[in-house]
Protein backbone atom coordinates (compact mmCIF):
# COMPACT_ATOMS: atom_id res chain seq x y z
CA UNK A 1 38.81 77.59 137.42
CA UNK A 2 42.40 78.51 138.37
CA UNK A 3 45.38 78.14 136.02
CA UNK A 4 48.78 78.85 137.46
CA UNK A 5 50.87 75.65 137.59
CA UNK A 6 52.22 75.48 134.06
CA UNK A 7 52.98 78.67 132.10
CA UNK A 8 52.12 77.34 128.65
CA UNK A 9 48.97 75.61 129.85
CA UNK A 10 48.06 78.81 131.68
CA UNK A 11 48.23 80.82 128.50
CA UNK A 12 45.99 78.40 126.60
CA UNK A 13 43.42 78.19 129.36
CA UNK A 14 43.33 81.97 129.80
CA UNK A 15 42.75 82.47 126.07
CA UNK A 16 39.87 79.99 126.27
CA UNK A 17 38.56 81.85 129.33
CA UNK A 18 38.65 85.20 127.54
CA UNK A 19 36.89 83.74 124.50
CA UNK A 20 34.18 82.38 126.75
CA UNK A 21 33.77 85.73 128.53
CA UNK A 22 33.47 87.59 125.22
CA UNK A 23 30.53 85.42 124.18
CA UNK A 24 28.43 85.59 127.35
CA UNK A 25 28.94 89.00 128.99
CA UNK A 26 27.82 92.48 128.06
CA UNK A 27 29.57 94.69 125.49
CA UNK A 28 31.46 96.66 128.13
CA UNK A 29 33.36 93.63 129.39
CA UNK A 30 37.12 93.53 128.68
CA UNK A 31 38.17 92.91 125.12
CA UNK A 32 41.80 91.75 125.31
CA UNK A 33 44.15 91.48 122.35
CA UNK A 34 45.58 88.05 121.63
CA UNK A 35 48.57 87.23 123.84
CA UNK A 36 47.64 89.38 126.86
CA UNK A 37 48.43 87.50 130.06
CA UNK A 38 45.48 87.20 132.48
CA UNK A 39 45.68 84.68 135.31
CA UNK A 40 42.72 83.59 137.42
CA UNK A 41 38.95 83.98 137.55
CA UNK A 42 36.59 85.84 135.24
CA UNK A 43 35.85 89.55 135.42
CA UNK A 44 32.87 91.10 137.18
CA UNK A 45 30.00 92.25 134.94
CA UNK A 46 28.98 95.20 137.15
CA UNK A 47 28.70 98.23 134.86
CA UNK A 48 28.38 100.94 137.49
CA UNK A 49 30.97 100.39 140.20
CA UNK A 50 34.12 98.31 140.38
CA UNK A 51 37.50 98.15 142.07
CA UNK A 52 40.90 96.78 141.17
CA UNK A 53 44.13 96.21 143.08
CA UNK A 54 47.62 97.43 142.17
CA UNK A 55 50.57 95.44 143.48
CA UNK A 56 53.97 97.14 143.78
CA UNK A 57 57.49 95.82 143.18
CA UNK A 58 58.48 92.55 144.81
CA UNK A 59 62.13 92.46 143.78
CA UNK A 60 65.21 94.62 143.81
CA UNK A 61 66.17 93.19 147.21
CA UNK A 62 63.49 91.80 149.48
CA UNK A 63 64.43 88.14 149.04
CA UNK A 64 63.39 87.50 152.65
CA UNK A 65 60.09 89.41 152.38
CA UNK A 66 57.84 86.85 150.73
CA UNK A 67 55.62 86.76 153.87
CA UNK A 68 54.70 90.42 153.21
CA UNK A 69 53.83 89.64 149.59
CA UNK A 70 51.83 86.57 150.66
CA UNK A 71 49.92 88.60 153.23
CA UNK A 72 49.09 91.17 150.55
CA UNK A 73 47.69 88.45 148.28
CA UNK A 74 45.52 87.15 151.10
CA UNK A 75 44.20 90.61 151.99
CA UNK A 76 43.38 91.38 148.35
CA UNK A 77 41.33 88.18 148.33
CA UNK A 78 39.39 89.46 151.34
CA UNK A 79 38.76 92.84 149.70
CA UNK A 80 37.45 91.18 146.52
CA UNK A 81 38.53 93.66 143.80
CA UNK A 82 37.55 92.70 140.27
CA UNK A 83 41.18 92.12 139.23
CA UNK A 84 44.78 92.98 140.15
CA UNK A 85 47.61 94.58 138.14
CA UNK A 86 51.27 94.33 139.15
CA UNK A 87 53.53 97.19 137.97
CA UNK A 88 56.66 95.11 137.35
CA UNK A 89 59.72 93.63 139.06
CA UNK A 90 58.13 90.27 139.77
CA UNK A 91 61.44 88.32 139.82
CA UNK A 92 65.04 89.18 140.71
CA UNK A 93 66.09 88.61 137.08
CA UNK A 94 69.26 90.10 135.60
CA UNK A 95 70.35 86.80 134.08
CA UNK A 96 70.56 85.25 130.63
CA UNK A 97 70.31 81.70 132.00
CA UNK A 98 66.94 80.15 131.13
CA UNK A 99 67.22 77.57 133.93
CA UNK A 100 67.59 80.38 136.46
CA UNK A 101 64.67 82.20 134.86
CA UNK A 102 62.51 79.08 135.11
CA UNK A 103 63.34 78.75 138.81
CA UNK A 104 62.66 82.42 139.54
CA UNK A 105 59.35 82.42 137.71
CA UNK A 106 58.32 79.16 139.38
CA UNK A 107 59.00 80.73 142.77
CA UNK A 108 56.96 83.81 141.87
CA UNK A 109 53.96 81.86 140.57
CA UNK A 110 53.96 79.69 143.70
CA UNK A 111 53.47 82.80 145.85
CA UNK A 112 51.18 84.58 143.37
CA UNK A 113 48.92 81.51 143.27
CA UNK A 114 47.44 82.60 146.62
CA UNK A 115 45.62 85.34 144.70
CA UNK A 116 42.03 84.49 143.78
CA UNK A 117 41.22 87.32 141.35
CA UNK A 118 42.37 87.81 137.74
CA UNK A 119 46.01 88.89 137.71
CA UNK A 120 47.64 91.08 135.03
CA UNK A 121 51.46 91.38 135.21
CA UNK A 122 53.47 94.24 133.71
CA UNK A 123 57.24 93.84 133.09
CA UNK A 124 59.82 95.82 135.05
CA UNK A 125 63.57 96.17 134.64
CA UNK A 126 64.16 93.08 136.82
CA UNK A 127 61.84 91.04 134.59
CA UNK A 128 63.22 92.27 131.26
CA UNK A 129 66.84 93.28 131.84
CA UNK A 130 68.21 91.93 128.54
CA UNK A 131 67.07 90.49 125.22
CA UNK A 132 67.01 86.91 126.55
CA UNK A 133 64.59 87.91 129.32
CA UNK A 134 62.54 90.01 126.89
CA UNK A 135 62.08 86.99 124.62
CA UNK A 136 61.31 84.79 127.62
CA UNK A 137 58.50 87.15 128.65
CA UNK A 138 57.03 87.25 125.14
CA UNK A 139 57.21 83.47 124.69
CA UNK A 140 56.17 82.35 128.18
CA UNK A 141 53.96 85.17 129.45
CA UNK A 142 52.65 87.21 126.54
CA UNK A 143 52.38 90.84 125.45
CA UNK A 144 54.73 93.38 127.00
CA UNK A 145 52.11 96.14 126.64
CA UNK A 146 48.44 96.38 125.72
CA UNK A 147 45.16 98.17 126.40
CA UNK A 148 41.65 97.08 127.31
CA UNK A 149 38.27 98.52 128.25
CA UNK A 150 36.51 97.55 131.48
CA UNK A 151 33.21 99.12 132.59
CA UNK A 152 33.74 102.03 130.18
CA UNK A 153 37.23 102.74 131.59
CA UNK A 154 40.34 102.51 129.43
CA UNK A 155 43.35 100.69 130.90
CA UNK A 156 46.63 101.43 129.14
CA UNK A 157 49.36 99.04 130.34
CA UNK A 158 52.74 100.28 129.08
CA UNK A 159 56.22 98.73 129.06
CA UNK A 160 59.04 101.08 130.05
CA UNK A 161 61.54 98.29 129.21
CA UNK A 162 60.57 97.98 125.52
CA UNK A 163 64.09 99.13 124.64
CA UNK A 164 65.33 95.70 125.80
CA UNK A 165 63.53 94.35 122.74
CA UNK A 166 63.94 95.53 119.15
CA UNK A 167 63.28 99.24 119.66
CA UNK A 168 65.24 102.01 121.37
CA UNK A 169 64.15 104.15 124.28
CA UNK A 170 61.89 103.39 127.21
CA UNK A 171 58.76 102.94 125.08
CA UNK A 172 59.89 102.79 121.45
CA UNK A 173 58.08 104.39 118.53
CA UNK A 174 55.74 101.43 117.97
CA UNK A 175 54.47 101.43 121.55
CA UNK A 176 54.04 105.21 121.59
CA UNK A 177 52.01 105.03 118.38
CA UNK A 178 49.95 102.18 119.84
CA UNK A 179 49.22 104.11 123.05
CA UNK A 180 48.21 107.27 121.17
CA UNK A 181 46.06 105.19 118.85
CA UNK A 182 44.22 103.55 121.76
CA UNK A 183 43.60 106.96 123.31
CA UNK A 184 42.25 108.33 120.03
CA UNK A 185 40.04 105.27 119.59
CA UNK A 186 38.56 105.53 123.08
CA UNK A 187 37.80 109.20 123.61
CA UNK A 188 34.45 108.72 125.34
CA UNK A 189 35.47 106.50 128.26
CA UNK A 190 34.63 107.84 131.71
CA UNK A 191 38.21 107.42 133.02
CA UNK A 192 41.64 106.36 131.74
CA UNK A 193 44.18 104.48 133.87
CA UNK A 194 47.80 104.39 132.69
CA UNK A 195 50.12 101.89 134.38
CA UNK A 196 53.86 101.32 133.84
CA UNK A 197 56.91 100.20 135.80
CA UNK A 198 59.25 103.19 135.76
CA UNK A 199 57.71 106.65 136.32
CA UNK A 200 58.48 107.90 132.82
CA UNK A 201 57.26 111.44 133.52
CA UNK A 202 60.29 111.94 135.79
CA UNK A 203 63.00 110.77 133.40
CA UNK A 204 62.24 110.52 129.67
CA UNK A 205 60.86 112.79 126.97
CA UNK A 206 59.17 109.73 125.38
CA UNK A 207 56.36 110.26 127.88
CA UNK A 208 55.56 113.74 126.57
CA UNK A 209 53.93 112.38 123.41
CA UNK A 210 51.65 110.05 125.35
CA UNK A 211 50.87 112.70 127.95
CA UNK A 212 49.88 115.15 125.22
CA UNK A 213 47.31 112.63 123.99
CA UNK A 214 45.83 112.41 127.51
CA UNK A 215 44.85 116.07 127.59
CA UNK A 216 41.15 116.87 128.04
CA UNK A 217 40.26 113.54 129.62
CA UNK A 218 40.05 112.27 133.18
CA UNK A 219 42.99 109.99 133.91
CA UNK A 220 45.26 108.63 136.66
CA UNK A 221 48.81 107.32 136.26
CA UNK A 222 50.51 104.61 138.34
CA UNK A 223 54.15 103.44 138.32
CA UNK A 224 56.57 101.65 140.65
CA UNK A 225 60.35 101.08 140.48
CA UNK A 226 61.58 103.38 143.28
CA UNK A 227 60.15 101.36 146.22
CA UNK A 228 59.03 104.58 147.86
CA UNK A 229 55.55 106.11 147.61
CA UNK A 230 55.18 109.61 146.16
CA UNK A 231 52.06 111.32 144.82
CA UNK A 232 52.75 113.89 142.09
CA UNK A 233 50.27 116.29 140.53
CA UNK A 234 50.63 117.12 136.81
CA UNK A 235 48.04 118.76 134.59
CA UNK A 236 45.72 118.69 137.62
CA UNK A 237 45.86 114.87 137.50
CA UNK A 238 47.29 112.38 140.00
CA UNK A 239 50.52 110.53 139.18
CA UNK A 240 51.45 107.85 141.73
CA UNK A 241 54.91 106.38 142.23
CA UNK A 242 53.93 103.35 144.31
CA UNK A 243 56.10 101.73 146.96
CA UNK A 244 57.03 98.06 147.05
CA UNK A 245 54.94 95.06 148.04
CA UNK A 246 57.76 93.04 149.56
CA UNK A 247 60.63 94.74 147.68
CA UNK A 248 63.88 95.84 149.31
CA UNK A 249 64.09 99.24 151.00
CA UNK A 250 64.73 100.81 154.39
CA UNK A 251 61.42 101.08 156.19
CA UNK A 252 60.50 104.36 157.89
CA UNK A 253 57.75 104.82 160.45
CA UNK A 254 56.95 108.35 159.27
CA UNK A 255 54.36 107.50 156.66
CA UNK A 256 54.73 110.85 154.88
CA UNK A 257 58.20 109.64 153.83
CA UNK A 258 56.51 106.91 151.79
CA UNK A 259 58.86 104.08 152.82
CA UNK A 260 56.44 101.32 153.79
CA UNK A 261 55.15 98.18 152.10
CA UNK A 262 51.71 98.59 150.58
CA UNK A 263 49.34 97.64 147.83
CA UNK A 264 46.53 99.80 146.46
CA UNK A 265 42.79 99.41 145.98
CA UNK A 266 41.32 101.68 143.31
CA UNK A 267 37.54 102.07 143.29
CA UNK A 268 35.60 103.56 140.37
CA UNK A 269 32.11 104.73 141.27
CA UNK A 270 30.47 106.71 138.50
CA UNK A 271 32.95 109.51 137.69
CA UNK A 272 34.72 109.25 141.06
CA UNK A 273 38.03 107.44 141.48
CA UNK A 274 39.37 106.76 144.98
CA UNK A 275 42.72 105.21 145.85
CA UNK A 276 43.35 103.42 149.17
CA UNK A 277 46.94 102.57 150.08
CA UNK A 278 47.02 99.53 152.33
CA UNK A 279 49.81 98.26 154.53
CA UNK A 280 48.98 94.91 156.18
CA UNK A 281 46.62 95.97 158.96
CA UNK A 282 46.52 99.64 157.88
CA UNK A 283 44.76 101.79 155.30
CA UNK A 284 46.08 105.24 154.35
CA UNK A 285 44.67 108.10 152.29
CA UNK A 286 46.14 108.64 148.85
CA UNK A 287 47.90 111.87 149.88
CA UNK A 288 49.88 110.32 152.75
CA UNK A 289 53.24 110.86 150.98
CA UNK A 290 53.15 113.85 148.66
CA UNK A 291 55.84 115.41 146.54
CA UNK A 292 55.20 118.58 148.57
CA UNK A 293 56.23 116.83 151.80
CA UNK A 294 59.36 115.43 150.10
CA UNK A 295 60.26 118.89 148.84
CA UNK A 296 59.88 120.49 152.28
CA UNK A 297 61.81 117.66 153.87
CA UNK A 298 64.57 118.14 151.31
CA UNK A 299 64.70 121.83 152.21
CA UNK A 300 65.26 121.14 155.91
CA UNK A 301 69.01 121.55 155.41
CA UNK A 302 71.12 123.38 152.86
CA UNK A 303 74.60 124.84 152.97
CA UNK A 304 76.82 127.38 151.23
CA UNK A 305 80.61 127.44 151.10
CA UNK A 306 82.91 130.45 150.86
CA UNK A 307 86.46 129.36 149.96
CA UNK A 308 89.73 131.27 149.96
CA UNK A 309 92.17 128.86 148.30
CA UNK A 310 95.54 130.28 147.28
CA UNK A 311 98.34 127.74 146.78
CA UNK A 312 100.91 130.55 146.73
CA UNK A 313 100.16 131.22 150.40
CA UNK A 314 101.08 128.95 153.34
CA UNK A 315 97.48 128.36 154.38
CA UNK A 316 94.07 128.32 152.75
CA UNK A 317 90.60 127.93 154.14
CA UNK A 318 86.95 128.68 153.96
CA UNK A 319 83.64 128.92 155.76
CA UNK A 320 80.52 126.82 155.48
CA UNK A 321 77.09 128.07 156.47
CA UNK A 322 74.37 125.53 157.25
CA UNK A 323 70.80 126.78 156.80
CA UNK A 324 67.93 124.93 158.49
CA UNK A 325 64.29 125.63 157.72
CA UNK A 326 61.38 123.57 159.06
CA UNK A 327 58.14 123.98 157.06
CA UNK A 328 56.75 120.66 158.32
CA UNK A 329 54.42 119.78 161.18
CA UNK A 330 56.86 118.08 163.56
CA UNK A 331 60.10 118.98 165.30
CA UNK A 332 63.29 118.26 163.38
CA UNK A 333 66.80 117.71 164.68
CA UNK A 334 69.91 117.83 162.48
CA UNK A 335 73.25 116.44 163.67
CA UNK A 336 76.33 117.42 161.63
CA UNK A 337 79.67 115.73 162.30
CA UNK A 338 82.91 116.46 160.43
CA UNK A 339 85.31 113.58 159.88
CA UNK A 340 89.03 114.28 160.49
CA UNK A 341 90.77 114.75 157.13
CA UNK A 342 94.51 115.22 156.63
CA UNK A 343 95.75 118.65 157.72
CA UNK A 344 92.36 120.30 157.83
CA UNK A 345 91.42 122.15 161.03
CA UNK A 346 87.63 122.36 161.46
CA UNK A 347 85.91 124.49 164.11
CA UNK A 348 83.50 123.39 165.43
CA UNK A 349 83.73 119.76 164.32
CA UNK A 350 80.14 119.02 165.37
CA UNK A 351 76.80 120.83 165.27
CA UNK A 352 73.56 119.74 166.95
CA UNK A 353 70.65 121.86 165.73
CA UNK A 354 66.96 121.58 166.63
CA UNK A 355 64.16 123.41 164.82
CA UNK A 356 60.52 123.53 165.75
CA UNK A 357 57.83 123.75 163.04
CA UNK A 358 58.02 127.14 161.32
CA UNK A 359 61.53 127.90 162.65
CA UNK A 360 64.75 128.76 160.81
CA UNK A 361 68.32 128.70 162.12
CA UNK A 362 71.95 128.71 160.94
CA UNK A 363 75.22 127.03 161.87
CA UNK A 364 78.72 128.29 160.96
CA UNK A 365 81.94 126.26 160.57
CA UNK A 366 85.50 127.49 159.83
CA UNK A 367 87.95 125.36 157.83
CA UNK A 368 91.73 125.90 157.50
CA UNK A 369 94.48 123.84 155.86
CA UNK A 370 98.04 123.98 154.53
CA UNK A 371 97.82 125.15 150.93
CA UNK A 372 100.10 122.38 149.64
CA UNK A 373 98.12 119.64 151.39
CA UNK A 374 94.43 120.01 150.55
CA UNK A 375 93.75 116.29 150.17
CA UNK A 376 92.17 114.28 151.57
CA UNK A 377 89.27 116.72 151.37
CA UNK A 378 87.08 117.40 154.42
CA UNK A 379 83.86 115.42 154.74
CA UNK A 380 80.86 115.65 157.02
CA UNK A 381 77.88 113.44 157.73
CA UNK A 382 74.51 114.86 158.59
CA UNK A 383 71.54 113.04 160.09
CA UNK A 384 67.93 114.31 160.09
CA UNK A 385 65.69 113.12 162.91
CA UNK A 386 62.08 114.04 162.16
CA UNK A 387 59.30 113.35 164.63
CA UNK A 388 61.77 111.32 166.70
CA UNK A 389 62.76 109.04 163.80
CA UNK A 390 65.98 109.05 161.77
CA UNK A 391 64.81 109.65 158.20
CA UNK A 392 68.01 110.57 156.40
CA UNK A 393 71.74 110.19 156.89
CA UNK A 394 74.17 111.41 154.23
CA UNK A 395 77.92 111.86 153.82
CA UNK A 396 79.19 114.92 151.91
CA UNK A 397 82.69 115.65 150.60
CA UNK A 398 83.50 119.36 150.41
CA UNK A 399 85.25 120.45 147.22
CA UNK A 400 87.14 123.77 147.61
CA UNK A 401 86.44 125.10 144.12
CA UNK A 402 83.53 126.28 142.02
CA UNK A 403 81.75 123.59 140.01
CA UNK A 404 82.34 125.72 136.90
CA UNK A 405 86.11 125.34 137.44
CA UNK A 406 85.93 121.53 137.17
CA UNK A 407 86.75 120.23 133.69
CA UNK A 408 85.75 116.68 132.71
CA UNK A 409 88.27 115.11 130.34
CA UNK A 410 86.33 113.80 127.34
CA UNK A 411 89.00 113.21 124.67
CA UNK A 412 91.06 110.02 125.08
CA UNK A 413 93.06 107.41 123.27
CA UNK A 414 91.93 104.00 124.49
CA UNK A 415 93.05 100.41 123.93
CA UNK A 416 91.61 97.06 125.02
CA UNK A 417 90.20 94.76 126.10
CA UNK A 418 92.96 92.70 127.74
CA UNK A 419 92.39 89.56 129.79
CA UNK A 420 91.95 90.19 133.54
CA UNK A 421 93.16 86.67 134.29
CA UNK A 422 90.19 85.68 136.46
CA UNK A 423 86.46 85.11 136.20
CA UNK A 424 85.81 85.34 139.94
CA UNK A 425 85.10 88.59 141.77
CA UNK A 426 88.12 88.89 144.11
CA UNK A 427 88.45 90.44 147.57
CA UNK A 428 89.32 94.12 147.44
CA UNK A 429 93.10 93.73 147.49
CA UNK A 430 95.82 93.90 144.86
CA UNK A 431 97.34 90.47 145.60
CA UNK A 432 94.28 88.75 144.10
CA UNK A 433 94.47 90.70 140.83
CA UNK A 434 97.99 89.88 139.69
CA UNK A 435 97.11 90.42 136.04
CA UNK A 436 96.01 93.97 136.82
CA UNK A 437 99.42 94.77 138.30
CA UNK A 438 101.18 93.18 135.33
CA UNK A 439 102.41 95.70 132.80
CA UNK A 440 100.60 94.56 129.66
CA UNK A 441 102.28 96.97 127.28
CA UNK A 442 100.47 100.29 127.04
CA UNK A 443 102.04 101.58 130.27
CA UNK A 444 105.56 100.88 128.94
CA UNK A 445 105.57 103.22 125.97
CA UNK A 446 103.92 106.27 124.48
CA UNK A 447 103.41 104.97 120.95
CA UNK A 448 99.81 105.45 119.89
CA UNK A 449 100.37 103.45 116.68
CA UNK A 450 101.48 100.26 118.42
CA UNK A 451 99.41 97.05 118.52
CA UNK A 452 99.07 94.66 121.46
CA UNK A 453 97.82 91.13 122.07
CA UNK A 454 94.39 91.61 123.62
CA UNK A 455 91.78 89.33 125.10
CA UNK A 456 90.20 88.52 121.75
CA UNK A 457 93.11 89.09 119.39
CA UNK A 458 95.23 92.07 118.45
CA UNK A 459 94.09 95.49 119.67
CA UNK A 460 95.32 98.97 118.83
CA UNK A 461 94.77 102.48 120.13
CA UNK A 462 91.58 104.22 119.08
CA UNK A 463 90.33 107.74 119.63
CA UNK A 464 87.33 108.18 121.94
CA UNK A 465 85.26 111.29 122.58
CA UNK A 466 82.72 111.16 125.40
CA UNK A 467 79.37 112.84 124.79
CA UNK A 468 78.91 113.36 128.53
CA UNK A 469 81.21 113.03 131.51
CA UNK A 470 81.71 109.25 131.32
CA UNK A 471 84.11 107.13 129.26
CA UNK A 472 81.99 104.07 128.45
CA UNK A 473 84.38 101.19 127.75
CA UNK A 474 81.59 98.69 127.10
CA UNK A 475 80.42 101.01 124.34
CA UNK A 476 83.95 101.45 123.00
CA UNK A 477 85.17 97.83 123.17
CA UNK A 478 81.87 95.97 123.11
CA UNK A 479 80.57 94.24 126.24
CA UNK A 480 83.60 92.43 127.67
CA UNK A 481 83.56 91.02 131.19
CA UNK A 482 86.67 90.17 133.25
CA UNK A 483 88.79 92.53 131.20
CA UNK A 484 91.34 95.35 131.41
CA UNK A 485 91.38 98.54 129.37
CA UNK A 486 93.60 101.61 129.11
CA UNK A 487 92.85 105.25 128.50
CA UNK A 488 95.45 107.96 127.86
CA UNK A 489 94.96 111.72 127.59
CA UNK A 490 97.20 114.78 127.93
CA UNK A 491 97.21 118.07 129.82
CA UNK A 492 99.34 121.01 128.68
CA UNK A 493 100.23 123.27 131.61
CA UNK A 494 101.87 126.72 131.20
CA UNK A 495 103.82 126.19 134.43
CA UNK A 496 104.53 123.69 137.19
CA UNK A 497 101.51 123.53 139.48
CA UNK A 498 99.32 121.33 141.68
CA UNK A 499 95.63 120.99 140.95
CA UNK A 500 92.86 118.82 142.30
CA UNK A 501 91.72 115.90 140.19
CA UNK A 502 88.77 113.63 140.80
CA UNK A 503 88.23 110.19 139.31
CA UNK A 504 85.83 107.27 139.69
CA UNK A 505 85.40 103.99 137.90
CA UNK A 506 83.88 100.54 137.68
CA UNK A 507 85.23 98.13 138.93
CA UNK A 508 88.98 98.80 139.54
CA UNK A 509 90.61 102.10 138.60
CA UNK A 510 94.28 103.12 138.64
CA UNK A 511 95.31 106.73 138.00
CA UNK A 512 98.85 107.32 136.66
CA UNK A 513 100.31 110.79 136.02
CA UNK A 514 103.58 111.12 134.08
CA UNK A 515 104.36 107.47 134.82
CA UNK A 516 103.75 107.79 138.58
CA UNK A 517 100.89 105.83 140.12
CA UNK A 518 98.73 108.24 142.10
CA UNK A 519 96.28 105.72 143.54
CA UNK A 520 94.33 102.53 142.80
CA UNK A 521 90.66 102.19 143.76
CA UNK A 522 89.85 98.52 144.30
CA UNK A 523 86.06 98.78 144.17
CA UNK A 524 83.42 100.55 142.12
CA UNK A 525 82.75 104.13 143.26
CA UNK A 526 79.71 106.37 142.83
CA UNK A 527 81.56 109.58 143.66
CA UNK A 528 84.73 111.21 142.44
CA UNK A 529 87.80 110.53 144.59
CA UNK A 530 89.89 113.72 144.73
CA UNK A 531 93.70 113.77 144.87
CA UNK A 532 96.46 116.31 144.28
CA UNK A 533 97.79 116.16 140.71
CA UNK A 534 101.31 117.56 140.34
CA UNK A 535 101.67 118.89 136.80
CA UNK A 536 104.98 119.81 135.21
CA UNK A 537 105.39 122.65 132.72
CA UNK A 538 104.47 121.39 129.25
CA UNK A 539 102.67 118.21 128.35
CA UNK A 540 101.57 115.81 131.09
CA UNK A 541 100.53 112.22 130.36
CA UNK A 542 97.44 110.97 132.20
CA UNK A 543 96.65 107.25 132.16
CA UNK A 544 93.65 105.37 133.53
CA UNK A 545 94.01 101.61 133.82
CA UNK A 546 90.57 100.10 134.37
CA UNK A 547 89.38 96.57 135.18
CA UNK A 548 85.83 95.27 134.73
CA UNK A 549 84.36 92.21 136.43
CA UNK A 550 80.92 92.15 134.81
CA UNK A 551 78.12 94.55 133.91
CA UNK A 552 78.85 98.25 133.39
CA UNK A 553 82.39 99.35 132.59
CA UNK A 554 83.26 103.02 132.68
CA UNK A 555 85.35 105.72 134.30
CA UNK A 556 85.48 109.48 134.49
CA UNK A 557 88.19 112.01 135.32
CA UNK A 558 87.77 115.71 136.16
CA UNK A 559 90.50 118.30 136.77
CA UNK A 560 90.33 121.67 138.52
CA UNK A 561 91.05 124.48 136.04
CA UNK A 562 90.18 127.80 137.76
CA UNK A 563 92.34 129.93 135.44
CA UNK A 564 91.06 128.18 132.29
CA UNK A 565 94.64 128.03 131.04
CA UNK A 566 95.13 124.24 130.95
CA UNK A 567 94.86 122.58 127.54
CA UNK A 568 93.27 119.09 127.32
CA UNK A 569 93.82 116.85 124.28
CA UNK A 570 93.82 113.18 123.31
CA UNK A 571 97.23 113.60 121.63
CA UNK A 572 100.23 115.86 122.26
CA UNK A 573 100.21 118.88 120.02
CA UNK A 574 103.46 120.45 118.77
């Protein structure tokens, strides 16, 4: 009996199915808690050997890749595992509109309905990206996390998005306690499988408590999220970050890089657990894409800079040394090309370096520039061709100072939100954001006690201290889309000087120093944009005017302070 057409009916039928199974099969059959979502046929009763499938992410891009997902469902049917678990990101999500959610889930179930074995879905960030979607999952699908026993193996299905519900953190205290409790209750199982969406062991300390409870037992961990396969080894156990099954990513032919669509078949035979990674038409061993390979690939190229920047002299410059080391099994080629930048003279402007397996080599580049004209900063792009295939291409901006000399400004006076004057994302040009160019008040005076007419009523200046590098305006003002906000801070300089300053923001960012607009960035940026900041002796007023379309709203500003003699404050001090 198959039950996939109507979500509510599916839940009722599946509960009836589980009740029926519990009454007729042996004691080692699954014992699910109420509300767990299982779709499809009954479980196998084989006590000695069984297999199950793991399906990777479908969404996060990949809207045109349903044929790959469909093919995976069909192949799983041919392989006949006892059941299948999907590690999250079933729908595109990121909406609070229930009609859109209904359509997205209907589309998913239409494709998933090709599967002919029991199907257990886990939520990912695309499935539970806000409280509305969290409640939708609970009401329409079932539990967000649970555990069950099958053939004397414990399956612990965790929800790394539980923080979208009522608790904080990836897992929340309740889920952590539940997981530890299930592990304590089931000490004598022959193997434990832990499945989740995000690979928590890479990013959150919440995992440490659960991992500590796994000690002294045989277990394997599976996650998804990154759309690229990597096998990690921790505590002499295997931790898999699985690739996508129809999700969006850039495919690479070098399988060790892990960028290929696949699903997994896990077979338990006695105390042995084998994992087969299957691309349509191909089967790969579990160690095809190891963290060791990624580490060696990452070490193919590194570089060191040696700067001699002195603004009191006519010219400044530096050297950059590129180090190439090939610890892999195939030939690697690295192409490095410098982009022309302002007054910088770069010699040579291009390097083509080849390294055979086991080889090391170096490349040297000289850089010179007028001391009063360091920006725009020099940039280079490098490309790594490994085994004849382009595997990586990156752009790098060179910053002629030590990272320790860069000071992030954390103390601000902020005011907002103001109305942006539009609810449509405009082209990246100033003429379509007239309200952003309008002086709304804060840029006209320096009175921190003044009030202004904001988007939702009167607003006044408030003090803000960033815990990290980022000024989070959504946190400060409350989530407010299509809005404008202001931030003001001050720099006290012992003399007139020019320093480098770097800023970035989301979505539009204008930097103003002592009333003079330095630049406006008309799109969200992931990296700091560096410019020359001309400081006068005494107090200097720094203003960031920021516009947000929707989603995250933040900015950051960092200033070069090699002598450690600049003073940074949210208000002028006498």
